Protein backbone atom coordinates (compact mmCIF):
# COMPACT_ATOMS: atom_id res chain seq x y z
CA MET A 1 221.75 -235.03 164.69
CA ALA A 2 225.50 -233.46 164.14
CA GLU A 3 225.35 -230.84 166.85
CA GLN A 4 228.34 -229.00 168.30
CA GLY A 5 229.07 -231.14 171.48
CA LEU A 6 225.79 -232.46 172.45
CA SER A 7 225.18 -233.25 175.75
CA ALA A 8 222.01 -234.41 177.51
CA GLY A 9 221.03 -234.47 181.48
CA TRP A 10 218.36 -233.92 184.05
CA HIS A 11 217.80 -231.41 186.46
CA LYS A 12 215.33 -232.09 189.31
CA GLY A 13 213.61 -234.65 186.91
CA THR A 14 213.50 -232.34 183.83
CA HIS A 15 215.55 -233.76 181.01
CA TYR A 16 217.19 -231.65 178.51
CA ILE A 17 219.65 -231.60 175.74
CA ARG A 18 222.35 -228.93 175.12
CA ALA A 19 224.74 -228.04 172.24
CA GLY A 20 227.21 -225.58 171.15
CA ALA A 21 228.70 -222.25 172.96
CA GLY A 22 228.16 -218.85 172.82
CA GLU A 23 224.89 -216.57 173.55
CA VAL A 24 222.25 -219.21 175.25
CA LEU A 25 219.16 -220.06 173.20
CA LEU A 26 216.38 -221.80 175.08
CA LEU A 27 213.85 -223.98 172.97
CA ILE A 28 210.48 -224.92 174.13
CA HIS A 29 208.28 -227.40 172.47
CA GLY A 30 204.68 -227.61 172.01
CA VAL A 31 202.06 -230.25 173.25
CA GLY A 32 202.84 -233.64 172.38
CA MET A 33 206.46 -233.13 171.43
CA ASN A 34 209.62 -233.38 173.11
CA CYS A 35 213.23 -231.61 172.99
CA GLY A 36 214.11 -233.59 169.76
CA PHE A 37 211.41 -231.69 167.87
CA TRP A 38 214.08 -229.20 167.69
CA ALA A 39 216.94 -231.14 166.04
CA PRO A 40 216.91 -229.18 162.72
CA GLN A 41 217.28 -225.77 164.86
CA ILE A 42 219.93 -227.44 167.20
CA ASN A 43 221.78 -228.39 164.02
CA ALA A 44 221.47 -225.14 162.71
CA PHE A 45 222.22 -222.92 165.82
CA SER A 46 224.91 -224.71 167.89
CA PRO A 47 227.78 -223.82 165.79
CA GLU A 48 227.54 -220.13 167.28
CA TRP A 49 225.19 -220.38 170.04
CA ASP A 50 224.61 -222.47 173.23
CA VAL A 51 221.39 -224.21 172.62
CA ILE A 52 219.20 -225.74 175.07
CA ALA A 53 216.19 -227.68 174.61
CA TYR A 54 214.06 -229.62 177.05
CA ASP A 55 211.19 -231.62 177.51
CA THR A 56 208.34 -229.74 179.43
CA LEU A 57 206.06 -231.17 182.20
CA GLY A 58 204.52 -234.24 181.25
CA HIS A 59 206.40 -234.68 177.79
CA GLY A 60 209.55 -237.10 177.33
CA GLY A 61 211.50 -237.58 180.41
CA SER A 62 210.18 -234.76 182.60
CA PRO A 63 207.68 -235.40 185.35
CA LEU A 64 203.87 -234.83 184.97
CA PRO A 65 202.33 -231.13 185.74
CA SER A 66 199.95 -230.59 188.31
CA ASP A 67 196.15 -231.27 187.47
CA PRO A 68 195.07 -228.90 186.60
CA ALA A 69 198.22 -227.52 184.86
CA THR A 70 199.13 -223.86 184.95
CA LEU A 71 201.35 -221.71 182.58
CA ALA A 72 203.07 -220.63 185.94
CA GLU A 73 204.32 -223.98 186.69
CA TYR A 74 205.54 -224.53 183.15
CA ALA A 75 207.58 -221.13 183.35
CA ALA A 76 208.90 -222.08 186.67
CA GLN A 77 210.22 -225.37 185.45
CA ALA A 78 212.21 -223.55 182.54
CA ILE A 79 213.93 -220.82 185.12
CA ASP A 80 214.51 -223.71 187.73
CA LEU A 81 216.59 -225.51 184.87
CA LEU A 82 218.37 -222.18 183.70
CA ASP A 83 219.07 -221.96 187.36
CA GLY A 84 220.40 -225.48 187.82
CA LEU A 85 222.67 -225.01 184.70
CA GLY A 86 223.90 -221.77 186.01
CA VAL A 87 222.53 -219.49 183.00
CA GLY A 88 221.19 -216.11 183.30
CA ARG A 89 219.92 -214.16 180.46
CA VAL A 90 218.58 -216.23 177.43
CA LYS A 91 217.01 -215.55 174.06
CA VAL A 92 213.88 -218.07 173.91
CA VAL A 93 211.98 -219.70 171.17
CA GLY A 94 208.88 -221.61 171.82
CA HIS A 95 206.39 -223.36 169.69
CA SER A 96 202.61 -223.66 170.09
CA MET A 97 201.94 -224.07 173.61
CA GLY A 98 205.61 -223.76 173.99
CA ALA A 99 205.18 -220.33 172.59
CA LEU A 100 202.82 -219.72 175.30
CA ILE A 101 205.27 -220.66 177.96
CA ALA A 102 208.02 -218.48 176.39
CA LEU A 103 205.74 -215.36 176.91
CA ASP A 104 204.77 -216.19 180.10
CA LEU A 105 208.55 -216.46 180.96
CA ALA A 106 209.24 -213.13 179.23
CA LEU A 107 206.16 -211.36 181.49
CA ARG A 108 207.30 -213.08 184.37
CA HIS A 109 210.84 -212.74 184.01
CA PRO A 110 211.84 -209.89 181.82
CA ASP A 111 215.38 -209.54 183.60
CA ARG A 112 216.24 -213.20 182.47
CA ILE A 113 214.94 -213.23 178.69
CA GLY A 114 216.50 -210.79 176.01
CA ALA A 115 214.38 -211.65 173.27
CA VAL A 116 211.55 -213.97 172.54
CA VAL A 117 209.95 -215.64 169.36
CA ALA A 118 206.51 -217.09 169.77
CA MET A 119 206.00 -219.53 166.84
CA ASN A 120 202.79 -220.89 165.57
CA ALA A 121 201.15 -219.42 169.01
CA VAL A 122 197.30 -219.32 169.68
CA TYR A 123 195.89 -216.03 170.89
CA ARG A 124 192.03 -215.07 171.56
CA ARG A 125 190.46 -218.07 169.77
CA SER A 126 187.10 -217.28 168.17
CA PRO A 127 183.96 -219.06 169.50
CA GLU A 128 184.09 -221.62 166.37
CA GLN A 129 187.92 -222.33 167.26
CA ARG A 130 187.03 -222.69 171.15
CA ALA A 131 184.20 -225.06 170.45
CA ALA A 132 186.65 -226.91 168.18
CA VAL A 133 189.32 -227.40 170.67
CA GLU A 134 186.78 -227.98 173.47
CA ARG A 135 185.55 -231.21 171.01
CA ARG A 136 189.13 -232.05 171.03
CA VAL A 137 189.79 -232.27 174.82
CA ARG A 138 186.26 -234.55 174.80
CA LEU A 139 188.17 -236.74 172.25
CA LEU A 140 190.93 -237.10 174.87
CA ASP A 141 188.45 -237.99 177.41
CA ASP A 142 187.21 -240.66 175.59
CA ASP A 143 190.55 -242.16 175.57
CA HIS A 144 191.05 -243.53 172.02
CA PRO A 145 194.45 -242.53 171.27
CA ALA A 146 194.63 -243.25 167.57
CA ASP A 147 191.55 -240.86 167.14
CA TRP A 148 193.14 -237.81 168.58
CA GLN A 149 196.60 -238.52 167.02
CA GLN A 150 195.07 -238.76 163.67
CA SER A 151 193.36 -235.69 164.49
CA ALA A 152 196.50 -233.93 165.28
CA MET A 153 198.11 -234.99 162.06
CA ASP A 154 195.53 -233.79 159.98
CA ARG A 155 195.35 -230.25 161.76
CA TRP A 156 199.31 -229.83 161.63
CA PHE A 157 200.08 -231.44 158.28
CA GLY A 158 196.68 -231.24 156.27
CA ALA A 159 194.60 -234.27 155.14
CA ARG A 160 197.34 -234.95 152.18
CA ILE A 161 200.84 -234.91 153.35
CA SER A 162 203.20 -233.66 150.71
CA PRO A 163 206.45 -235.47 149.95
CA GLN A 164 208.43 -232.37 151.48
CA CYS A 165 206.50 -232.86 154.89
CA MET A 166 206.79 -236.70 155.16
CA PRO A 167 210.09 -237.00 157.07
CA ALA A 168 208.62 -234.58 159.81
CA ALA A 169 205.46 -236.32 159.87
CA VAL A 170 206.94 -239.59 160.35
CA TRP A 171 208.69 -238.26 163.12
CA VAL A 172 205.61 -236.22 164.73
CA ARG A 173 203.48 -239.75 164.52
CA ALA A 174 206.17 -241.54 166.36
CA ALA A 175 206.55 -238.85 169.15
CA LEU A 176 203.01 -239.06 169.49
CA GLY A 177 202.96 -242.82 169.95
CA CYS A 178 205.41 -242.49 172.71
CA LEU A 179 203.55 -239.96 174.93
CA ARG A 180 202.38 -240.66 178.24
CA PRO A 181 198.63 -240.42 177.64
CA GLU A 182 197.95 -238.05 181.25
CA GLY A 183 200.90 -236.22 180.44
CA TYR A 184 199.42 -235.15 177.07
CA ARG A 185 195.75 -234.68 178.58
CA ARG A 186 196.95 -232.56 181.07
CA ALA A 187 199.01 -230.48 178.89
CA TYR A 188 196.26 -230.48 176.15
CA ARG A 189 193.70 -229.19 178.88
CA LEU A 190 196.02 -226.01 179.79
CA PHE A 191 196.57 -225.41 175.91
CA ALA A 192 192.62 -225.27 175.23
CA THR A 193 192.35 -222.42 177.69
CA ALA A 194 195.61 -220.59 177.39
CA ASP A 195 194.90 -218.73 174.29
CA ALA A 196 193.25 -216.01 176.89
CA ALA A 197 196.53 -216.33 179.11
CA HIS A 198 198.30 -213.17 177.60
CA THR A 199 194.99 -210.86 176.77
CA GLY A 200 195.85 -207.66 178.05
CA ARG A 201 199.26 -208.52 179.24
CA LEU A 202 201.25 -208.01 175.82
CA GLY A 203 201.42 -204.44 176.29
CA ARG A 204 204.19 -205.25 179.22
CA LEU A 205 206.44 -207.09 176.97
CA ARG A 206 209.38 -204.85 177.28
CA LEU A 207 211.85 -206.91 174.86
CA PRO A 208 212.02 -207.62 171.42
CA ALA A 209 209.49 -210.14 170.19
CA LEU A 210 208.74 -211.97 166.99
CA PHE A 211 205.23 -213.63 166.44
CA LEU A 212 205.89 -216.09 163.60
CA THR A 213 203.13 -218.44 161.98
CA GLY A 214 202.33 -220.38 158.46
CA GLU A 215 199.87 -218.74 156.11
CA LEU A 216 198.06 -222.19 156.20
CA ASP A 217 198.03 -222.89 160.05
CA GLY A 218 194.67 -222.24 160.78
CA ASN A 219 194.63 -222.61 164.48
CA SER A 220 197.54 -220.20 165.26
CA SER A 221 196.53 -218.31 162.29
CA PRO A 222 198.23 -215.04 160.85
CA ALA A 223 195.60 -213.08 162.13
CA MET A 224 196.48 -213.90 165.62
CA ALA A 225 200.03 -213.32 165.22
CA ARG A 226 199.59 -209.97 163.85
CA GLN A 227 197.44 -209.30 166.64
CA MET A 228 199.72 -210.10 169.47
CA ALA A 229 202.44 -208.14 167.53
CA ALA A 230 200.21 -205.11 167.39
CA GLU A 231 199.77 -205.51 171.39
CA ALA A 232 203.28 -205.57 172.00
CA PRO A 233 205.25 -202.91 171.96
CA ASP A 234 208.80 -203.99 170.18
CA ALA A 235 207.33 -206.75 168.03
CA ARG A 236 206.88 -207.74 164.56
CA ALA A 237 204.47 -210.77 162.81
CA LEU A 238 205.94 -212.93 160.33
CA ILE A 239 203.98 -214.87 158.02
CA LEU A 240 205.86 -217.76 156.23
CA SER A 241 204.20 -218.38 152.92
CA GLY A 242 202.53 -221.99 152.22
CA GLU A 243 203.68 -223.09 155.71
CA ARG A 244 201.58 -225.21 158.46
CA HIS A 245 201.95 -225.71 162.27
CA MET A 246 204.90 -227.91 162.12
CA MET A 247 206.88 -225.50 159.83
CA SER A 248 210.09 -225.75 161.99
CA LEU A 249 210.31 -229.38 161.17
CA ALA A 250 208.93 -229.48 157.81
CA SER A 251 210.80 -226.38 156.44
CA PRO A 252 213.71 -225.87 158.63
CA VAL A 253 216.01 -223.66 156.35
CA THR A 254 213.22 -221.15 155.82
CA VAL A 255 212.23 -221.19 159.50
CA ASN A 256 215.75 -221.07 160.51
CA ALA A 257 216.69 -218.15 158.14
CA ALA A 258 213.66 -216.03 159.84
CA LEU A 259 214.81 -217.02 163.33
CA ARG A 260 218.40 -215.92 162.65
CA ASP A 261 217.25 -212.86 161.06
CA PHE A 262 215.48 -211.78 164.26
CA LEU A 263 217.85 -213.26 166.95
CA GLU A 264 220.85 -211.78 165.37
CA GLU A 265 219.52 -208.28 164.81
CA ASP A 266 220.63 -205.60 167.25
CA ALA A 267 218.20 -202.76 165.88
CA THR A 268 214.91 -202.05 167.41
CA LEU A 269 212.19 -203.89 165.53
CA PRO A 270 209.35 -202.28 163.63
CA LEU A 271 205.88 -202.57 165.19
CA VAL A 272 204.22 -204.92 163.03
CA ALA A 273 205.64 -206.40 159.38
CA GLY A 274 204.78 -209.28 157.19
């Protein structure tokens, strides 16, 4: 990575990386990943932003969450890190489960969050989607890492990985191979039910919000993004054509342009677009 002034550290067990200077941008990865997931965004934004990415509980160099885990403790981890770094108000981008954490942060700590991007987020799964995620939880409990790792790769990249997506797929496969199994299990069990965590709450989201996903992301679907945007007062949904779940790694130029347009925007957003 070629970030501006990259540094790394720990605060009360939480591992983080930080680069750049300016307005603070907090990046929160999803289940199974680590702060290195955000390398393309750190490269792109650190020339103008103070970018902080960290390992969520159970991932990378950070400690395990409780069992069962809660979104509240993941949000508390983020606030504790910001407090420890002397950071006040931030804009936040979360991916997948990280998007749910980002939304929880915005709802619990509106004085600390200036804007939120929920990227590839899940919301109110259908009965079929819920049955599928429950099957995946059982697969984790069967303790066959190769099976659930391949299942994740197929969901995130499709059965055939395109040449464009291959570098991202190689990185993701390596990240999955470095996981602590118990950390992944605890986080994924939370993720399996957290699609309902913000039901009835998004109307209280009193800040600009972008719900961003890929056209081909069947689990964090365009319909979910549009529904979340419709329920939040100052939000839009944006659907990126031809993209899947790991679009921030696979198509960083496209994703970074969408993020920049939103994060640098001063005007009030329209209700729903895209």
